[in-house]
Amino acid sequence: MVVELNLEDFTPEEIDNDELIFGGRFDLDSIDALEIVYQVEQNFGIPMKEMNEARAAFQSINTLAAFIEARLQG
C-alpha cells in the first residue's frame, strides 16, 4: 500500500496495522480509495462493488486484511 499510494513519507514498518487508513495522518482522498479498490481486485481477484462494504474494509490495514481473507475463504 505504501508503494501503490506513493506514501513517500512512510515505510511499512512505521504504520500500525490498526491505524486509520482514511481520516488519519496519510492525507488520502477518494482517488486513493479507488486505487485501493483497483489493487484489491488486481492482486486478489476480489471485486469491491458495495460502498458500505468497502468503507468498512478501509478502516485500517487489519480490517482490509480481514476483508480480503474472508473473501478468499469464500
C-alpha atoms as a PDB file:
ATOM      1  CA  MET A   1       0.000   0.000   0.000  1.00  0.00           C
ATOM      2  CA  VAL A   2       2.870   2.377   0.755  1.00  0.00           C
ATOM      3  CA  VAL A   3       4.257   1.904  -2.756  1.00  0.00           C
ATOM      4  CA  GLU A   4       0.944   1.852  -4.618  1.00  0.00           C
ATOM      5  CA  LEU A   5      -0.331   5.039  -2.946  1.00  0.00           C
ATOM      6  CA  ASN A   6       3.037   6.798  -3.123  1.00  0.00           C
ATOM      7  CA  LEU A   7       3.217   7.329   0.629  1.00  0.00           C
ATOM      8  CA  GLU A   8       6.780   8.595   0.351  1.00  0.00           C
ATOM      9  CA  ASP A   9       6.967   9.877   3.923  1.00  0.00           C
ATOM     10  CA  PHE A  10       6.238   6.440   5.414  1.00  0.00           C
ATOM     11  CA  THR A  11       7.697   2.966   5.485  1.00  0.00           C
ATOM     12  CA  PRO A  12       5.527  -0.095   6.101  1.00  0.00           C
ATOM     13  CA  GLU A  13       7.192  -0.535   9.492  1.00  0.00           C
ATOM     14  CA  GLU A  14       6.037   2.940  10.578  1.00  0.00           C
ATOM     15  CA  ILE A  15       2.375   2.127  10.019  1.00  0.00           C
ATOM     16  CA  ASP A  16       0.436   0.429  12.781  1.00  0.00           C
ATOM     17  CA  ASN A  17      -1.959  -2.195  11.433  1.00  0.00           C
ATOM     18  CA  ASP A  18      -4.836  -0.656  13.426  1.00  0.00           C
ATOM     19  CA  GLU A  19      -4.130   2.910  12.301  1.00  0.00           C
ATOM     20  CA  LEU A  20      -6.859   4.661  10.301  1.00  0.00           C
ATOM     21  CA  ILE A  21      -6.280   4.497   6.562  1.00  0.00           C
ATOM     22  CA  PHE A  22      -8.557   7.462   5.844  1.00  0.00           C
ATOM     23  CA  GLY A  23      -9.053  10.445   8.115  1.00  0.00           C
ATOM     24  CA  GLY A  24      -5.671   9.962   9.749  1.00  0.00           C
ATOM     25  CA  ARG A  25      -2.170  11.112   9.023  1.00  0.00           C
ATOM     26  CA  PHE A  26      -1.907   9.778   5.453  1.00  0.00           C
ATOM     27  CA  ASP A  27      -3.952  12.527   3.771  1.00  0.00           C
ATOM     28  CA  LEU A  28      -5.652  10.086   1.398  1.00  0.00           C
ATOM     29  CA  ASP A  29      -8.631  11.015  -0.761  1.00  0.00           C
ATOM     30  CA  SER A  30     -11.262   9.381  -2.968  1.00  0.00           C
ATOM     31  CA  ILE A  31      -8.750   8.770  -5.767  1.00  0.00           C
ATOM     32  CA  ASP A  32      -6.643   6.800  -3.285  1.00  0.00           C
ATOM     33  CA  ALA A  33      -9.734   4.784  -2.326  1.00  0.00           C
ATOM     34  CA  LEU A  34     -10.240   3.907  -5.988  1.00  0.00           C
ATOM     35  CA  GLU A  35      -6.591   2.843  -6.192  1.00  0.00           C
ATOM     36  CA  ILE A  36      -7.046   0.528  -3.199  1.00  0.00           C
ATOM     37  CA  VAL A  37     -10.179  -0.972  -4.795  1.00  0.00           C
ATOM     38  CA  TYR A  38      -8.221  -1.487  -8.022  1.00  0.00           C
ATOM     39  CA  GLN A  39      -5.276  -3.095  -6.218  1.00  0.00           C
ATOM     40  CA  VAL A  40      -7.528  -5.462  -4.249  1.00  0.00           C
ATOM     41  CA  GLU A  41      -9.199  -6.533  -7.485  1.00  0.00           C
ATOM     42  CA  GLN A  42      -5.910  -6.900  -9.391  1.00  0.00           C
ATOM     43  CA  ASN A  43      -3.895  -8.626  -6.668  1.00  0.00           C
ATOM     44  CA  PHE A  44      -6.572 -10.814  -5.098  1.00  0.00           C
ATOM     45  CA  GLY A  45      -9.358 -11.044  -7.691  1.00  0.00           C
ATOM     46  CA  ILE A  46     -11.853  -9.603  -5.225  1.00  0.00           C
ATOM     47  CA  PRO A  47     -14.290  -7.008  -6.559  1.00  0.00           C
ATOM     48  CA  MET A  48     -15.446  -4.313  -4.155  1.00  0.00           C
ATOM     49  CA  LYS A  49     -18.777  -3.127  -5.514  1.00  0.00           C
ATOM     50  CA  GLU A  50     -20.686  -2.273  -2.341  1.00  0.00           C
ATOM     51  CA  MET A  51     -19.766   1.141  -0.906  1.00  0.00           C
ATOM     52  CA  ASN A  52     -20.689   0.172   2.661  1.00  0.00           C
ATOM     53  CA  GLU A  53     -18.590  -2.978   2.405  1.00  0.00           C
ATOM     54  CA  ALA A  54     -15.588  -1.038   1.085  1.00  0.00           C
ATOM     55  CA  ARG A  55     -15.976   1.690   3.686  1.00  0.00           C
ATOM     56  CA  ALA A  56     -15.894  -0.875   6.489  1.00  0.00           C
ATOM     57  CA  ALA A  57     -12.892  -2.655   4.957  1.00  0.00           C
ATOM     58  CA  PHE A  58     -10.949   0.606   4.621  1.00  0.00           C
ATOM     59  CA  GLN A  59     -10.882   1.387   8.344  1.00  0.00           C
ATOM     60  CA  SER A  60      -7.360   0.031   8.887  1.00  0.00           C
ATOM     61  CA  ILE A  61      -4.798  -2.392   7.480  1.00  0.00           C
ATOM     62  CA  ASN A  62      -6.230  -5.081   9.763  1.00  0.00           C
ATOM     63  CA  THR A  63      -9.815  -4.556   8.580  1.00  0.00           C
ATOM     64  CA  LEU A  64      -8.689  -4.584   4.950  1.00  0.00           C
ATOM     65  CA  ALA A  65      -6.697  -7.789   5.528  1.00  0.00           C
ATOM     66  CA  ALA A  66      -9.691  -9.393   7.285  1.00  0.00           C
ATOM     67  CA  PHE A  67     -11.951  -8.418   4.366  1.00  0.00           C
ATOM     68  CA  ILE A  68      -9.541  -9.979   1.860  1.00  0.00           C
ATOM     69  CA  GLU A  69      -9.079 -13.145   3.943  1.00  0.00           C
ATOM     70  CA  ALA A  70     -12.842 -13.592   4.337  1.00  0.00           C
ATOM     71  CA  ARG A  71     -13.438 -13.249   0.590  1.00  0.00           C
ATOM     72  CA  LEU A  72     -10.600 -15.619  -0.286  1.00  0.00           C
ATOM     73  CA  GLN A  73     -12.010 -18.253   2.053  1.00  0.00           C
ATOM     74  CA  GLY A  74     -15.359 -17.875   0.352  1.00  0.00           C
END
